[in-house]
Amino acid sequence: MFYLTNVDLHSSPHVCVKSSHKRKKLSHQFSLLRETDDKDIISYYGSENILTICERAGVGFVEDPFCFHKGTIPIQRERLILEVKFTLHNYETIP
């Protein structure tokens, strides 16, 4: 992902949880819900593993899509982000 605008705490920074793609809680693995409560995430993974990414326009970062991640709600300014995805599958044949 690349930030196309400057992103601070007021402009919807991306947040991810370190190591959450490696050691998920059993209830997180089998949940039918996509959303997970922030308090539950913090109590299991620890607040020290919550990474809020505030950077200037042009900065890029990579994350495993299986980690817990989210974009926060903008408070003062919106953010613009470019997301590039790589895949092993060829989806152009799907109607």
N, C-alpha and C. Protein backbone atom coordinates (compact mmCIF):
# COMPACT_ATOMS: atom_id res chain seq x y z
N MET A 1 0.85 -1.16 0.00
CA MET A 1 0.00 0.00 0.00
C MET A 1 0.90 1.23 0.00
N PHE A 2 0.42 2.26 -0.65
CA PHE A 2 1.15 3.53 -0.70
C PHE A 2 0.20 4.65 -0.31
N TYR A 3 0.63 5.49 0.61
CA TYR A 3 -0.16 6.67 0.95
C TYR A 3 0.02 7.70 -0.15
N LEU A 4 -1.08 8.19 -0.69
CA LEU A 4 -1.03 9.23 -1.72
C LEU A 4 -1.27 10.61 -1.12
N THR A 5 -1.67 10.65 0.14
CA THR A 5 -1.79 11.89 0.89
C THR A 5 -1.04 11.70 2.21
N ASN A 6 -0.68 12.81 2.85
CA ASN A 6 -0.06 12.72 4.18
C ASN A 6 -1.09 12.16 5.15
N VAL A 7 -0.66 11.24 6.00
CA VAL A 7 -1.58 10.59 6.93
C VAL A 7 -1.06 10.76 8.35
N ASP A 8 -1.93 11.34 9.21
CA ASP A 8 -1.63 11.45 10.63
C ASP A 8 -2.78 10.83 11.41
N LEU A 9 -2.80 10.99 12.72
CA LEU A 9 -3.84 10.38 13.55
C LEU A 9 -5.24 10.89 13.23
N HIS A 10 -5.34 12.06 12.57
CA HIS A 10 -6.64 12.66 12.26
C HIS A 10 -7.13 12.34 10.85
N SER A 11 -6.33 11.62 10.07
CA SER A 11 -6.71 11.39 8.66
C SER A 11 -6.73 9.90 8.31
N SER A 12 -7.33 9.12 9.15
CA SER A 12 -7.60 7.70 8.88
C SER A 12 -6.34 6.86 8.66
N PRO A 13 -5.43 6.80 9.65
CA PRO A 13 -4.26 5.95 9.48
C PRO A 13 -4.63 4.47 9.41
N HIS A 14 -3.80 3.71 8.74
CA HIS A 14 -3.98 2.26 8.68
C HIS A 14 -3.43 1.67 9.97
N VAL A 15 -4.10 0.67 10.50
CA VAL A 15 -3.70 0.02 11.74
C VAL A 15 -3.61 -1.48 11.49
N CYS A 16 -2.53 -2.09 11.94
CA CYS A 16 -2.41 -3.54 11.84
C CYS A 16 -1.86 -4.10 13.15
N VAL A 17 -2.08 -5.39 13.34
CA VAL A 17 -1.67 -6.06 14.57
C VAL A 17 -0.52 -7.01 14.23
N LYS A 18 0.66 -6.70 14.78
CA LYS A 18 1.84 -7.52 14.53
C LYS A 18 1.61 -8.96 14.96
N SER A 19 2.05 -9.89 14.13
CA SER A 19 2.00 -11.34 14.39
C SER A 19 0.60 -11.93 14.43
N SER A 20 -0.43 -11.15 14.14
CA SER A 20 -1.79 -11.70 14.20
C SER A 20 -2.07 -12.65 13.03
N HIS A 21 -1.22 -12.66 12.02
CA HIS A 21 -1.38 -13.62 10.92
C HIS A 21 -0.77 -14.98 11.28
N LYS A 22 0.00 -15.03 12.36
CA LYS A 22 0.69 -16.26 12.75
C LYS A 22 -0.01 -17.01 13.88
N ARG A 23 -0.52 -16.29 14.84
CA ARG A 23 -1.07 -16.95 16.04
C ARG A 23 -2.44 -16.37 16.39
N LYS A 24 -3.43 -16.74 15.62
CA LYS A 24 -4.78 -16.28 15.87
C LYS A 24 -5.45 -17.09 16.97
N LYS A 25 -6.22 -16.41 17.77
CA LYS A 25 -7.04 -17.03 18.78
C LYS A 25 -8.06 -17.94 18.06
N LEU A 26 -8.36 -19.08 18.64
CA LEU A 26 -9.25 -20.05 18.00
C LEU A 26 -10.60 -19.43 17.64
N SER A 27 -11.16 -18.62 18.53
CA SER A 27 -12.45 -17.99 18.24
C SER A 27 -12.35 -16.99 17.09
N HIS A 28 -11.17 -16.41 16.88
CA HIS A 28 -10.96 -15.50 15.74
C HIS A 28 -10.88 -16.28 14.43
N GLN A 29 -10.34 -17.47 14.47
CA GLN A 29 -10.19 -18.28 13.26
C GLN A 29 -11.51 -18.78 12.73
N PHE A 30 -12.45 -19.08 13.62
CA PHE A 30 -13.70 -19.69 13.20
C PHE A 30 -14.90 -18.76 13.30
N SER A 31 -14.66 -17.49 13.50
CA SER A 31 -15.75 -16.53 13.61
C SER A 31 -16.39 -16.29 12.24
N LEU A 32 -17.70 -16.18 12.22
CA LEU A 32 -18.41 -15.86 10.98
C LEU A 32 -18.43 -14.35 10.73
N LEU A 33 -18.05 -13.58 11.75
CA LEU A 33 -18.04 -12.13 11.62
C LEU A 33 -16.68 -11.66 11.12
N ARG A 34 -16.70 -10.66 10.27
CA ARG A 34 -15.45 -10.09 9.78
C ARG A 34 -14.84 -9.14 10.80
N GLU A 35 -15.69 -8.43 11.53
CA GLU A 35 -15.21 -7.46 12.50
C GLU A 35 -14.92 -8.14 13.84
N THR A 36 -13.89 -7.67 14.51
CA THR A 36 -13.55 -8.15 15.84
C THR A 36 -13.39 -6.94 16.74
N ASP A 37 -13.89 -7.03 17.95
CA ASP A 37 -13.85 -5.93 18.89
C ASP A 37 -12.41 -5.53 19.22
N ASP A 38 -12.12 -4.23 19.21
CA ASP A 38 -10.77 -3.73 19.51
C ASP A 38 -10.28 -4.19 20.87
N LYS A 39 -11.16 -4.19 21.87
CA LYS A 39 -10.76 -4.60 23.23
C LYS A 39 -10.32 -6.06 23.25
N ASP A 40 -11.00 -6.90 22.49
CA ASP A 40 -10.65 -8.32 22.39
C ASP A 40 -9.28 -8.49 21.73
N ILE A 41 -9.04 -7.72 20.68
CA ILE A 41 -7.75 -7.77 19.98
C ILE A 41 -6.62 -7.34 20.91
N ILE A 42 -6.81 -6.23 21.60
CA ILE A 42 -5.78 -5.70 22.51
C ILE A 42 -5.51 -6.67 23.66
N SER A 43 -6.57 -7.26 24.22
CA SER A 43 -6.36 -8.16 25.36
C SER A 43 -5.61 -9.43 24.95
N TYR A 44 -5.80 -9.89 23.70
CA TYR A 44 -5.13 -11.12 23.26
C TYR A 44 -3.72 -10.85 22.72
N TYR A 45 -3.56 -9.83 21.88
CA TYR A 45 -2.26 -9.57 21.24
C TYR A 45 -1.40 -8.56 21.98
N GLY A 46 -2.01 -7.75 22.84
CA GLY A 46 -1.27 -6.74 23.59
C GLY A 46 -1.20 -5.42 22.84
N SER A 47 -1.34 -4.33 23.57
CA SER A 47 -1.33 -3.00 22.94
C SER A 47 0.01 -2.68 22.28
N GLU A 48 1.08 -3.32 22.75
CA GLU A 48 2.41 -3.08 22.15
C GLU A 48 2.50 -3.63 20.73
N ASN A 49 1.57 -4.49 20.33
CA ASN A 49 1.58 -5.07 18.98
C ASN A 49 0.63 -4.38 18.02
N ILE A 50 -0.04 -3.33 18.48
CA ILE A 50 -0.92 -2.55 17.61
C ILE A 50 -0.06 -1.48 16.94
N LEU A 51 0.02 -1.51 15.63
CA LEU A 51 0.86 -0.59 14.87
C LEU A 51 -0.02 0.36 14.06
N THR A 52 0.04 1.65 14.39
CA THR A 52 -0.69 2.68 13.66
C THR A 52 0.30 3.34 12.71
N ILE A 53 0.00 3.31 11.42
CA ILE A 53 0.95 3.77 10.41
C ILE A 53 0.59 5.18 9.97
N CYS A 54 1.32 6.16 10.50
CA CYS A 54 1.19 7.57 10.12
C CYS A 54 2.45 7.93 9.34
N GLU A 55 2.27 8.34 8.10
CA GLU A 55 3.42 8.67 7.25
C GLU A 55 3.05 9.74 6.24
N ARG A 56 4.04 10.23 5.54
CA ARG A 56 3.83 11.25 4.51
C ARG A 56 3.44 10.59 3.19
N ALA A 57 2.91 11.38 2.30
CA ALA A 57 2.52 10.89 0.98
C ALA A 57 3.74 10.28 0.28
N GLY A 58 3.54 9.15 -0.38
CA GLY A 58 4.61 8.47 -1.10
C GLY A 58 5.21 7.30 -0.35
N VAL A 59 4.96 7.22 0.95
CA VAL A 59 5.51 6.11 1.73
C VAL A 59 4.65 4.87 1.50
N GLY A 60 5.32 3.73 1.33
CA GLY A 60 4.62 2.47 1.11
C GLY A 60 4.94 1.47 2.21
N PHE A 61 4.05 0.50 2.36
CA PHE A 61 4.27 -0.56 3.34
C PHE A 61 3.58 -1.82 2.84
N VAL A 62 4.00 -2.95 3.38
CA VAL A 62 3.47 -4.26 2.98
C VAL A 62 2.96 -4.95 4.23
N GLU A 63 1.85 -5.67 4.09
CA GLU A 63 1.34 -6.46 5.20
C GLU A 63 0.76 -7.76 4.68
N ASP A 64 0.75 -8.75 5.53
CA ASP A 64 0.10 -10.01 5.21
C ASP A 64 -1.40 -9.79 5.32
N PRO A 65 -2.18 -10.12 4.30
CA PRO A 65 -3.62 -9.86 4.37
C PRO A 65 -4.35 -10.69 5.43
N PHE A 66 -3.68 -11.68 6.00
CA PHE A 66 -4.30 -12.49 7.05
C PHE A 66 -4.12 -11.90 8.44
N CYS A 67 -3.35 -10.81 8.56
CA CYS A 67 -3.24 -10.17 9.87
C CYS A 67 -4.50 -9.32 10.10
N PHE A 68 -4.78 -9.03 11.37
CA PHE A 68 -5.87 -8.11 11.66
C PHE A 68 -5.41 -6.72 11.25
N HIS A 69 -6.24 -6.04 10.46
CA HIS A 69 -5.91 -4.69 10.01
C HIS A 69 -7.18 -3.92 9.72
N LYS A 70 -7.05 -2.60 9.72
CA LYS A 70 -8.20 -1.75 9.43
C LYS A 70 -7.73 -0.34 9.11
N GLY A 71 -8.61 0.39 8.49
CA GLY A 71 -8.43 1.83 8.33
C GLY A 71 -9.31 2.49 9.38
N THR A 72 -8.79 3.45 10.08
CA THR A 72 -9.58 4.12 11.11
C THR A 72 -10.48 5.17 10.46
N ILE A 73 -11.40 5.70 11.22
CA ILE A 73 -12.34 6.71 10.72
C ILE A 73 -11.64 8.06 10.68
N PRO A 74 -11.74 8.80 9.54
CA PRO A 74 -11.10 10.12 9.47
C PRO A 74 -11.79 11.10 10.42
N ILE A 75 -10.97 11.94 11.08
CA ILE A 75 -11.49 12.93 12.03
C ILE A 75 -11.51 14.32 11.40
N GLN A 76 -10.39 14.70 10.75
CA GLN A 76 -10.31 16.04 10.15
C GLN A 76 -10.09 15.99 8.65
N ARG A 77 -9.33 15.02 8.18
CA ARG A 77 -9.00 14.92 6.75
C ARG A 77 -9.14 13.48 6.31
N GLU A 78 -9.43 13.29 5.04
CA GLU A 78 -9.48 11.95 4.49
C GLU A 78 -8.09 11.56 3.99
N ARG A 79 -7.88 10.26 3.83
CA ARG A 79 -6.62 9.78 3.27
C ARG A 79 -6.90 9.18 1.91
N LEU A 80 -5.88 9.13 1.11
CA LEU A 80 -5.97 8.46 -0.18
C LEU A 80 -4.84 7.44 -0.21
N ILE A 81 -5.20 6.19 -0.53
CA ILE A 81 -4.23 5.11 -0.48
C ILE A 81 -4.29 4.31 -1.77
N LEU A 82 -3.15 3.89 -2.25
CA LEU A 82 -3.07 3.01 -3.42
C LEU A 82 -2.73 1.62 -2.91
N GLU A 83 -3.58 0.65 -3.24
CA GLU A 83 -3.37 -0.71 -2.78
C GLU A 83 -3.04 -1.59 -3.98
N VAL A 84 -1.94 -2.30 -3.90
CA VAL A 84 -1.51 -3.22 -4.95
C VAL A 84 -1.58 -4.63 -4.37
N LYS A 85 -2.29 -5.52 -5.06
CA LYS A 85 -2.42 -6.90 -4.58
C LYS A 85 -1.77 -7.85 -5.56
N PHE A 86 -1.05 -8.82 -5.02
CA PHE A 86 -0.46 -9.89 -5.82
C PHE A 86 -1.23 -11.17 -5.51
N THR A 87 -1.43 -11.99 -6.51
CA THR A 87 -2.17 -13.23 -6.31
C THR A 87 -1.56 -14.35 -7.12
N LEU A 88 -1.81 -15.56 -6.69
CA LEU A 88 -1.34 -16.74 -7.42
C LEU A 88 -2.39 -17.23 -8.41
N HIS A 89 -3.58 -16.66 -8.35
CA HIS A 89 -4.70 -17.13 -9.17
C HIS A 89 -4.96 -16.17 -10.33
N ASN A 90 -5.43 -16.70 -11.45
CA ASN A 90 -5.80 -15.89 -12.58
C ASN A 90 -7.33 -15.75 -12.56
N TYR A 91 -7.80 -14.56 -12.19
CA TYR A 91 -9.23 -14.35 -12.03
C TYR A 91 -9.89 -13.77 -13.28
N GLU A 92 -9.16 -13.57 -14.36
CA GLU A 92 -9.76 -12.96 -15.55
C GLU A 92 -10.76 -13.87 -16.24
N THR A 93 -10.77 -15.15 -15.94
CA THR A 93 -11.73 -16.06 -16.56
C THR A 93 -13.06 -16.14 -15.82
N ILE A 94 -13.17 -15.48 -14.68
CA ILE A 94 -14.41 -15.48 -13.91
C ILE A 94 -15.36 -14.46 -14.54
N PRO A 95 -16.62 -14.88 -14.87
CA PRO A 95 -17.55 -13.93 -15.53
C PRO A 95 -17.96 -12.79 -14.64
